[in-house]
Amino acid sequence: MQILRPQMDAEGCQTRFVSEMQEVSVTTAPFSFCPITHTFTRADGTEVPSVTQVLAKAGIIAYSFVSEEIREYSLKRGTSVHWMLQLEDEGALNYRTVPKRLRGYRRAYTSWRERADFRPLKIEYQFVSDYGFAGIIDRIGSFTDKALLLTVVDLKTGPIAEWVRYQLAAYSVGIEPNLKKAKYIRRVALRVGDNGLYQVREFPMASFDTDWAKFYEALEKTNGSLRGNAAAGNRTQAAGVDGHRTLEVG
């Protein structure tokens, strides 16, 4: 399996992957991603909201009821598990160096992957869609006994929420902008546990249209808000410039 290596800029943020796996043809315009701020930026400097940011701004994802301490712990746990499983699928993981607290997650993931006969084609794939959103897809691949239909997989260390159906619909469009084709991409959420057990939820193709419509509605509101904020900033800046000129003339 080919390993994707991100290219880093001077500030430590990632630009597009240097090499891409040939099994899936996905092309997007150049962009950069900064993992520190989780910000996607186009080549022209325009920031693009991520899928989860879109859902959060629309109130579909609500974190307000979760304490900051728990959110921080969950984020660190999820990051550690994602990184470990990325190394696992790249064939670069040294199992003996994995902390005991993480080994159950690995056992859960590898058990599912082997039982489901899932073949990863892209790992932690970053994209920016022409629709105006961005994201990182944990896995793009296929199940060898399911007519090799393309599948997007999102890994979770916590419960699989209902909003994940919208997240995965957006991911499907992120790699296939033709909606008639995107609906035939399988959408799978996989929860891995520290006890070595896993839970799978696949969202039906029949609900793709309504799931995408729900996300797109949230996207329209988010991008409209961003454009409004940018316009307000430009007006404020212009007013400041005009005022400064007035003082100079006076």
C-alpha atoms as a PDB file:
ATOM      1  CA  MET A   1       0.000   0.000   0.000  1.00  0.00           C
ATOM      2  CA  GLN A   2       1.260   3.418  -0.913  1.00  0.00           C
ATOM      3  CA  ILE A   3       1.721   5.824   1.992  1.00  0.00           C
ATOM      4  CA  LEU A   4       0.496   9.389   1.607  1.00  0.00           C
ATOM      5  CA  ARG A   5       3.040  11.950   2.764  1.00  0.00           C
ATOM      6  CA  PRO A   6       1.844  15.511   3.348  1.00  0.00           C
ATOM      7  CA  GLN A   7       3.984  18.392   2.171  1.00  0.00           C
ATOM      8  CA  MET A   8       4.607  20.983   4.877  1.00  0.00           C
ATOM      9  CA  ASP A   9       4.944  24.730   4.446  1.00  0.00           C
ATOM     10  CA  ALA A  10       7.237  27.064   6.396  1.00  0.00           C
ATOM     11  CA  GLU A  11       4.691  27.424   9.226  1.00  0.00           C
ATOM     12  CA  GLY A  12       4.245  23.703   9.700  1.00  0.00           C
ATOM     13  CA  CYS A  13       0.890  23.479   7.936  1.00  0.00           C
ATOM     14  CA  GLN A  14       0.136  20.900   5.299  1.00  0.00           C
ATOM     15  CA  THR A  15      -0.366  21.561   1.625  1.00  0.00           C
ATOM     16  CA  ARG A  16      -1.920  18.953  -0.650  1.00  0.00           C
ATOM     17  CA  PHE A  17      -0.583  15.430  -0.502  1.00  0.00           C
ATOM     18  CA  VAL A  18       2.523  14.989  -2.616  1.00  0.00           C
ATOM     19  CA  SER A  19       1.424  11.593  -3.865  1.00  0.00           C
ATOM     20  CA  GLU A  20      -2.034  10.137  -4.226  1.00  0.00           C
ATOM     21  CA  MET A  21      -3.142   6.547  -4.544  1.00  0.00           C
ATOM     22  CA  GLN A  22      -4.108   5.616  -8.062  1.00  0.00           C
ATOM     23  CA  GLU A  23      -7.062   3.358  -7.137  1.00  0.00           C
ATOM     24  CA  VAL A  24      -9.277   6.398  -6.534  1.00  0.00           C
ATOM     25  CA  SER A  25      -9.118   9.414  -8.809  1.00  0.00           C
ATOM     26  CA  VAL A  26      -9.824  12.523  -6.727  1.00  0.00           C
ATOM     27  CA  THR A  27      -8.600  15.952  -7.743  1.00  0.00           C
ATOM     28  CA  THR A  28      -9.145  19.310  -6.095  1.00  0.00           C
ATOM     29  CA  ALA A  29      -7.662  22.775  -6.451  1.00  0.00           C
ATOM     30  CA  PRO A  30      -4.505  23.467  -4.373  1.00  0.00           C
ATOM     31  CA  PHE A  31      -5.077  24.231  -0.709  1.00  0.00           C
ATOM     32  CA  SER A  32      -3.308  24.095   2.630  1.00  0.00           C
ATOM     33  CA  PHE A  33      -4.365  22.652   5.965  1.00  0.00           C
ATOM     34  CA  CYS A  34      -3.103  23.755   9.353  1.00  0.00           C
ATOM     35  CA  PRO A  35      -3.635  21.013  11.980  1.00  0.00           C
ATOM     36  CA  ILE A  36      -3.003  23.458  14.814  1.00  0.00           C
ATOM     37  CA  THR A  37      -6.026  25.614  13.981  1.00  0.00           C
ATOM     38  CA  HIS A  38      -7.793  22.961  11.879  1.00  0.00           C
ATOM     39  CA  THR A  39      -8.057  25.511   9.080  1.00  0.00           C
ATOM     40  CA  PHE A  40      -8.355  24.822   5.367  1.00  0.00           C
ATOM     41  CA  THR A  41      -7.175  27.632   3.100  1.00  0.00           C
ATOM     42  CA  ARG A  42      -7.349  27.909  -0.677  1.00  0.00           C
ATOM     43  CA  ALA A  43      -4.385  29.118  -2.698  1.00  0.00           C
ATOM     44  CA  ASP A  44      -5.990  32.580  -2.917  1.00  0.00           C
ATOM     45  CA  GLY A  45      -6.067  32.855   0.890  1.00  0.00           C
ATOM     46  CA  THR A  46      -9.772  32.103   1.312  1.00  0.00           C
ATOM     47  CA  GLU A  47     -10.586  30.000   4.363  1.00  0.00           C
ATOM     48  CA  VAL A  48     -12.999  27.114   3.829  1.00  0.00           C
ATOM     49  CA  PRO A  49     -15.139  25.724   6.678  1.00  0.00           C
ATOM     50  CA  SER A  50     -14.834  22.038   7.490  1.00  0.00           C
ATOM     51  CA  VAL A  51     -17.817  19.694   7.425  1.00  0.00           C
ATOM     52  CA  THR A  52     -18.033  19.517  11.216  1.00  0.00           C
ATOM     53  CA  GLN A  53     -17.644  23.296  11.505  1.00  0.00           C
ATOM     54  CA  VAL A  54     -20.590  23.719   9.136  1.00  0.00           C
ATOM     55  CA  LEU A  55     -22.718  21.338  11.199  1.00  0.00           C
ATOM     56  CA  ALA A  56     -21.687  23.002  14.458  1.00  0.00           C
ATOM     57  CA  LYS A  57     -22.443  26.520  13.201  1.00  0.00           C
ATOM     58  CA  ALA A  58     -25.891  25.328  12.129  1.00  0.00           C
ATOM     59  CA  GLY A  59     -26.534  23.911  15.591  1.00  0.00           C
ATOM     60  CA  ILE A  60     -26.734  20.344  14.283  1.00  0.00           C
ATOM     61  CA  ILE A  61     -23.707  19.380  16.368  1.00  0.00           C
ATOM     62  CA  ALA A  62     -24.095  20.684  19.908  1.00  0.00           C
ATOM     63  CA  TYR A  63     -21.131  20.580  22.281  1.00  0.00           C
ATOM     64  CA  SER A  64     -22.503  23.061  24.810  1.00  0.00           C
ATOM     65  CA  PHE A  65     -23.771  20.348  27.156  1.00  0.00           C
ATOM     66  CA  VAL A  66     -20.312  18.716  27.325  1.00  0.00           C
ATOM     67  CA  SER A  67     -17.846  20.156  29.797  1.00  0.00           C
ATOM     68  CA  GLU A  68     -14.628  21.662  28.469  1.00  0.00           C
ATOM     69  CA  GLU A  69     -12.586  19.068  30.362  1.00  0.00           C
ATOM     70  CA  ILE A  70     -14.438  16.181  28.748  1.00  0.00           C
ATOM     71  CA  ARG A  71     -14.218  17.788  25.302  1.00  0.00           C
ATOM     72  CA  GLU A  72     -10.463  18.212  25.661  1.00  0.00           C
ATOM     73  CA  TYR A  73     -10.018  14.637  26.868  1.00  0.00           C
ATOM     74  CA  SER A  74     -12.158  13.258  24.021  1.00  0.00           C
ATOM     75  CA  LEU A  75     -10.222  15.285  21.460  1.00  0.00           C
ATOM     76  CA  LYS A  76      -6.864  14.015  22.705  1.00  0.00           C
ATOM     77  CA  ARG A  77      -8.142  10.432  22.815  1.00  0.00           C
ATOM     78  CA  GLY A  78      -9.575  10.652  19.314  1.00  0.00           C
ATOM     79  CA  THR A  79      -6.384  12.183  17.932  1.00  0.00           C
ATOM     80  CA  SER A  80      -4.228   9.468  19.484  1.00  0.00           C
ATOM     81  CA  VAL A  81      -6.451   6.679  18.185  1.00  0.00           C
ATOM     82  CA  HIS A  82      -6.654   8.157  14.680  1.00  0.00           C
ATOM     83  CA  TRP A  83      -2.877   8.532  14.491  1.00  0.00           C
ATOM     84  CA  MET A  84      -2.307   4.972  15.727  1.00  0.00           C
ATOM     85  CA  LEU A  85      -4.777   3.503  13.227  1.00  0.00           C
ATOM     86  CA  GLN A  86      -3.281   5.558  10.412  1.00  0.00           C
ATOM     87  CA  LEU A  87       0.088   3.963  11.156  1.00  0.00           C
ATOM     88  CA  GLU A  88      -1.640   0.577  11.371  1.00  0.00           C
ATOM     89  CA  ASP A  89      -3.101   0.874   7.870  1.00  0.00           C
ATOM     90  CA  GLU A  90       0.146   2.243   6.475  1.00  0.00           C
ATOM     91  CA  GLY A  91       1.996  -0.754   7.859  1.00  0.00           C
ATOM     92  CA  ALA A  92       4.222   1.496   9.946  1.00  0.00           C
ATOM     93  CA  LEU A  93       2.908   0.744  13.444  1.00  0.00           C
ATOM     94  CA  ASN A  94       5.247  -0.883  15.964  1.00  0.00           C
ATOM     95  CA  TYR A  95       2.729  -2.635  18.205  1.00  0.00           C
ATOM     96  CA  ARG A  96       5.179  -2.936  21.085  1.00  0.00           C
ATOM     97  CA  THR A  97       5.323   0.857  21.387  1.00  0.00           C
ATOM     98  CA  VAL A  98       1.522   1.276  21.594  1.00  0.00           C
ATOM     99  CA  PRO A  99       0.377   2.305  25.096  1.00  0.00           C
ATOM    100  CA  LYS A 100      -1.808  -0.310  26.754  1.00  0.00           C
ATOM    101  CA  ARG A 101      -4.689   2.142  27.028  1.00  0.00           C
ATOM    102  CA  LEU A 102      -4.851   2.317  23.207  1.00  0.00           C
ATOM    103  CA  ARG A 103      -4.428  -1.348  22.337  1.00  0.00           C
ATOM    104  CA  GLY A 104      -8.121  -2.134  22.651  1.00  0.00           C
ATOM    105  CA  TYR A 105      -8.951   0.463  19.997  1.00  0.00           C
ATOM    106  CA  ARG A 106      -6.470  -1.129  17.628  1.00  0.00           C
ATOM    107  CA  ARG A 107      -7.861  -4.600  18.302  1.00  0.00           C
ATOM    108  CA  ALA A 108     -11.380  -3.354  17.617  1.00  0.00           C
ATOM    109  CA  TYR A 109     -10.386  -1.714  14.340  1.00  0.00           C
ATOM    110  CA  THR A 110      -8.331  -4.605  12.986  1.00  0.00           C
ATOM    111  CA  SER A 111     -11.076  -7.082  13.941  1.00  0.00           C
ATOM    112  CA  TRP A 112     -13.628  -5.083  11.964  1.00  0.00           C
ATOM    113  CA  ARG A 113     -11.304  -4.560   9.002  1.00  0.00           C
ATOM    114  CA  GLU A 114     -10.552  -8.266   8.721  1.00  0.00           C
ATOM    115  CA  ARG A 115     -14.108  -9.490   9.286  1.00  0.00           C
ATOM    116  CA  ALA A 116     -15.574  -6.939   6.888  1.00  0.00           C
ATOM    117  CA  ASP A 117     -12.761  -7.517   4.384  1.00  0.00           C
ATOM    118  CA  PHE A 118     -12.297  -3.778   4.023  1.00  0.00           C
ATOM    119  CA  ARG A 119      -9.496  -2.499   1.806  1.00  0.00           C
ATOM    120  CA  PRO A 120      -8.372   1.099   2.527  1.00  0.00           C
ATOM    121  CA  LEU A 121      -7.465   3.045  -0.596  1.00  0.00           C
ATOM    122  CA  LYS A 122      -6.931   6.465   0.969  1.00  0.00           C
ATOM    123  CA  ILE A 123      -6.062   7.222   4.574  1.00  0.00           C
ATOM    124  CA  GLU A 124      -6.889  10.486   6.375  1.00  0.00           C
ATOM    125  CA  TYR A 125      -7.646  12.091   3.010  1.00  0.00           C
ATOM    126  CA  GLN A 126      -7.930  15.880   2.948  1.00  0.00           C
ATOM    127  CA  PHE A 127     -10.122  17.684   0.424  1.00  0.00           C
ATOM    128  CA  VAL A 128     -11.662  21.051  -0.376  1.00  0.00           C
ATOM    129  CA  SER A 129     -14.884  20.844  -2.356  1.00  0.00           C
ATOM    130  CA  ASP A 130     -15.967  23.298  -5.024  1.00  0.00           C
ATOM    131  CA  TYR A 131     -19.244  23.470  -3.094  1.00  0.00           C
ATOM    132  CA  GLY A 132     -17.389  25.478  -0.449  1.00  0.00           C
ATOM    133  CA  PHE A 133     -16.556  23.038   2.354  1.00  0.00           C
ATOM    134  CA  ALA A 134     -13.588  20.921   3.364  1.00  0.00           C
ATOM    135  CA  GLY A 135     -12.793  17.876   5.422  1.00  0.00           C
ATOM    136  CA  ILE A 136     -10.583  14.945   6.303  1.00  0.00           C
ATOM    137  CA  ILE A 137     -12.013  11.531   5.467  1.00  0.00           C
ATOM    138  CA  ASP A 138     -10.649   8.849   7.776  1.00  0.00           C
ATOM    139  CA  ARG A 139     -10.808   6.120   5.153  1.00  0.00           C
ATOM    140  CA  ILE A 140     -11.843   5.756   1.544  1.00  0.00           C
ATOM    141  CA  GLY A 141     -11.936   2.168   0.387  1.00  0.00           C
ATOM    142  CA  SER A 142     -14.089  -0.774  -0.555  1.00  0.00           C
ATOM    143  CA  PHE A 143     -15.362  -4.099   0.726  1.00  0.00           C
ATOM    144  CA  THR A 144     -14.061  -6.776  -1.590  1.00  0.00           C
ATOM    145  CA  ASP A 145     -17.291  -8.798  -1.406  1.00  0.00           C
ATOM    146  CA  LYS A 146     -19.616  -5.847  -2.144  1.00  0.00           C
ATOM    147  CA  ALA A 147     -19.060  -5.239  -5.857  1.00  0.00           C
ATOM    148  CA  LEU A 148     -16.138  -2.964  -4.942  1.00  0.00           C
ATOM    149  CA  LEU A 149     -18.452  -0.009  -4.286  1.00  0.00           C
ATOM    150  CA  LEU A 150     -16.501   2.984  -3.042  1.00  0.00           C
ATOM    151  CA  THR A 151     -16.958   3.538   0.695  1.00  0.00           C
ATOM    152  CA  VAL A 152     -16.225   6.406   3.063  1.00  0.00           C
ATOM    153  CA  VAL A 153     -15.556   5.407   6.666  1.00  0.00           C
ATOM    154  CA  ASP A 154     -15.525   7.694   9.681  1.00  0.00           C
ATOM    155  CA  LEU A 155     -13.855   6.419  12.841  1.00  0.00           C
ATOM    156  CA  LYS A 156     -15.366   7.256  16.212  1.00  0.00           C
ATOM    157  CA  THR A 157     -14.223   6.593  19.768  1.00  0.00           C
ATOM    158  CA  GLY A 158     -17.575   7.733  21.161  1.00  0.00           C
ATOM    159  CA  PRO A 159     -21.227   7.141  20.306  1.00  0.00           C
ATOM    160  CA  ILE A 160     -22.274   7.427  16.647  1.00  0.00           C
ATOM    161  CA  ALA A 161     -24.554  10.453  16.608  1.00  0.00           C
ATOM    162  CA  GLU A 162     -27.402  10.988  14.167  1.00  0.00           C
ATOM    163  CA  TRP A 163     -25.598  13.953  12.553  1.00  0.00           C
ATOM    164  CA  VAL A 164     -22.904  11.608  11.230  1.00  0.00           C
ATOM    165  CA  ARG A 165     -25.253  10.783   8.333  1.00  0.00           C
ATOM    166  CA  TYR A 166     -24.913  14.416   7.162  1.00  0.00           C
ATOM    167  CA  GLN A 167     -21.161  14.384   7.714  1.00  0.00           C
ATOM    168  CA  LEU A 168     -20.716  11.301   5.543  1.00  0.00           C
ATOM    169  CA  ALA A 169     -23.054  12.612   2.850  1.00  0.00           C
ATOM    170  CA  ALA A 170     -20.800  15.667   2.614  1.00  0.00           C
ATOM    171  CA  TYR A 171     -17.713  13.453   2.482  1.00  0.00           C
ATOM    172  CA  SER A 172     -19.263  11.509  -0.393  1.00  0.00           C
ATOM    173  CA  VAL A 173     -19.800  14.734  -2.327  1.00  0.00           C
ATOM    174  CA  GLY A 174     -16.307  15.842  -1.339  1.00  0.00           C
ATOM    175  CA  ILE A 175     -14.825  13.044  -3.426  1.00  0.00           C
ATOM    176  CA  GLU A 176     -17.594  12.841  -6.038  1.00  0.00           C
ATOM    177  CA  PRO A 177     -19.246  16.212  -6.844  1.00  0.00           C
ATOM    178  CA  ASN A 178     -21.755  14.561  -9.187  1.00  0.00           C
ATOM    179  CA  LEU A 179     -24.674  13.987  -6.814  1.00  0.00           C
ATOM    180  CA  LYS A 180     -26.146  11.184  -8.917  1.00  0.00           C
ATOM    181  CA  LYS A 181     -22.885   9.279  -8.477  1.00  0.00           C
ATOM    182  CA  ALA A 182     -22.162  10.370  -4.900  1.00  0.00           C
ATOM    183  CA  LYS A 183     -25.338   8.723  -3.624  1.00  0.00           C
ATOM    184  CA  TYR A 184     -23.919   5.323  -4.534  1.00  0.00           C
ATOM    185  CA  ILE A 185     -20.894   5.749  -2.287  1.00  0.00           C
ATOM    186  CA  ARG A 186     -21.392   3.672   0.853  1.00  0.00           C
ATOM    187  CA  ARG A 187     -21.369   5.625   4.124  1.00  0.00           C
ATOM    188  CA  VAL A 188     -20.068   3.772   7.165  1.00  0.00           C
ATOM    189  CA  ALA A 189     -19.453   4.990  10.710  1.00  0.00           C
ATOM    190  CA  LEU A 190     -17.257   2.753  12.842  1.00  0.00           C
ATOM    191  CA  ARG A 191     -17.023   3.135  16.597  1.00  0.00           C
ATOM    192  CA  VAL A 192     -13.992   1.450  18.148  1.00  0.00           C
ATOM    193  CA  GLY A 193     -13.805   0.850  21.883  1.00  0.00           C
ATOM    194  CA  ASP A 194     -10.995   0.509  24.372  1.00  0.00           C
ATOM    195  CA  ASN A 195     -12.369  -2.954  25.219  1.00  0.00           C
ATOM    196  CA  GLY A 196     -11.599  -4.284  21.733  1.00  0.00           C
ATOM    197  CA  LEU A 197     -15.226  -4.205  20.607  1.00  0.00           C
ATOM    198  CA  TYR A 198     -16.667  -2.202  17.731  1.00  0.00           C
ATOM    199  CA  GLN A 199     -19.997  -0.901  16.500  1.00  0.00           C
ATOM    200  CA  VAL A 200     -20.878  -0.286  12.862  1.00  0.00           C
ATOM    201  CA  ARG A 201     -23.608   1.879  11.425  1.00  0.00           C
ATOM    202  CA  GLU A 202     -24.112   2.228   7.703  1.00  0.00           C
ATOM    203  CA  PHE A 203     -26.399   4.943   6.393  1.00  0.00           C
ATOM    204  CA  PRO A 204     -28.618   3.822   3.501  1.00  0.00           C
ATOM    205  CA  MET A 205     -28.236   5.105  -0.023  1.00  0.00           C
ATOM    206  CA  ALA A 206     -31.979   5.784   0.005  1.00  0.00           C
ATOM    207  CA  SER A 207     -31.474   8.595   2.540  1.00  0.00           C
ATOM    208  CA  PHE A 208     -28.576  10.258   0.721  1.00  0.00           C
ATOM    209  CA  ASP A 209     -30.668  12.933  -1.005  1.00  0.00           C
ATOM    210  CA  THR A 210     -32.297  14.139   2.218  1.00  0.00           C
ATOM    211  CA  ASP A 211     -29.026  13.869   4.178  1.00  0.00           C
ATOM    212  CA  TRP A 212     -27.158  15.922   1.587  1.00  0.00           C
ATOM    213  CA  ALA A 213     -29.990  18.470   1.421  1.00  0.00           C
ATOM    214  CA  LYS A 214     -29.783  18.913   5.199  1.00  0.00           C
ATOM    215  CA  PHE A 215     -26.032  19.494   5.043  1.00  0.00           C
ATOM    216  CA  TYR A 216     -26.288  21.808   2.054  1.00  0.00           C
ATOM    217  CA  GLU A 217     -28.860  23.931   3.866  1.00  0.00           C
ATOM    218  CA  ALA A 218     -26.421  24.281   6.771  1.00  0.00           C
ATOM    219  CA  LEU A 219     -23.615  25.063   4.338  1.00  0.00           C
ATOM    220  CA  GLU A 220     -25.597  27.861   2.693  1.00  0.00           C
ATOM    221  CA  LYS A 221     -26.197  29.457   6.083  1.00  0.00           C
ATOM    222  CA  THR A 222     -22.562  29.093   7.117  1.00  0.00           C
ATOM    223  CA  ASN A 223     -21.089  30.496   3.918  1.00  0.00           C
ATOM    224  CA  GLY A 224     -23.686  33.273   3.876  1.00  0.00           C
ATOM    225  CA  SER A 225     -22.637  34.202   7.399  1.00  0.00           C
ATOM    226  CA  LEU A 226     -18.966  34.120   6.446  1.00  0.00           C
ATOM    227  CA  ARG A 227     -19.583  36.327   3.416  1.00  0.00           C
ATOM    228  CA  GLY A 228     -21.566  38.730   5.588  1.00  0.00           C
ATOM    229  CA  ASN A 229     -18.776  38.937   8.146  1.00  0.00           C
ATOM    230  CA  ALA A 230     -16.194  39.517   5.423  1.00  0.00           C
ATOM    231  CA  ALA A 231     -18.322  42.226   3.831  1.00  0.00           C
ATOM    232  CA  ALA A 232     -18.815  43.929   7.199  1.00  0.00           C
ATOM    233  CA  GLY A 233     -15.087  43.832   7.783  1.00  0.00           C
ATOM    234  CA  ASN A 234     -14.429  45.341   4.380  1.00  0.00           C
ATOM    235  CA  ARG A 235     -16.964  48.098   5.017  1.00  0.00           C
ATOM    236  CA  THR A 236     -15.380  48.900   8.367  1.00  0.00           C
ATOM    237  CA  GLN A 237     -11.944  48.981   6.814  1.00  0.00           C
ATOM    238  CA  ALA A 238     -13.167  51.184   3.967  1.00  0.00           C
ATOM    239  CA  ALA A 239     -14.798  53.571   6.451  1.00  0.00           C
ATOM    240  CA  GLY A 240     -11.542  53.776   8.367  1.00  0.00           C
ATOM    241  CA  VAL A 241      -9.614  54.536   5.209  1.00  0.00           C
ATOM    242  CA  ASP A 242     -12.129  57.185   4.140  1.00  0.00           C
ATOM    243  CA  GLY A 243     -12.029  58.766   7.579  1.00  0.00           C
ATOM    244  CA  HIS A 244      -8.272  58.849   7.515  1.00  0.00           C
ATOM    245  CA  ARG A 245      -8.311  60.541   4.127  1.00  0.00           C
ATOM    246  CA  THR A 246     -10.821  63.111   5.389  1.00  0.00           C
ATOM    247  CA  LEU A 247      -8.518  63.981   8.229  1.00  0.00           C
ATOM    248  CA  GLU A 248      -5.635  64.336   5.841  1.00  0.00           C
ATOM    249  CA  VAL A 249      -7.600  66.631   3.548  1.00  0.00           C
ATOM    250  CA  GLY A 250      -8.889  68.726   6.423  1.00  0.00           C
END
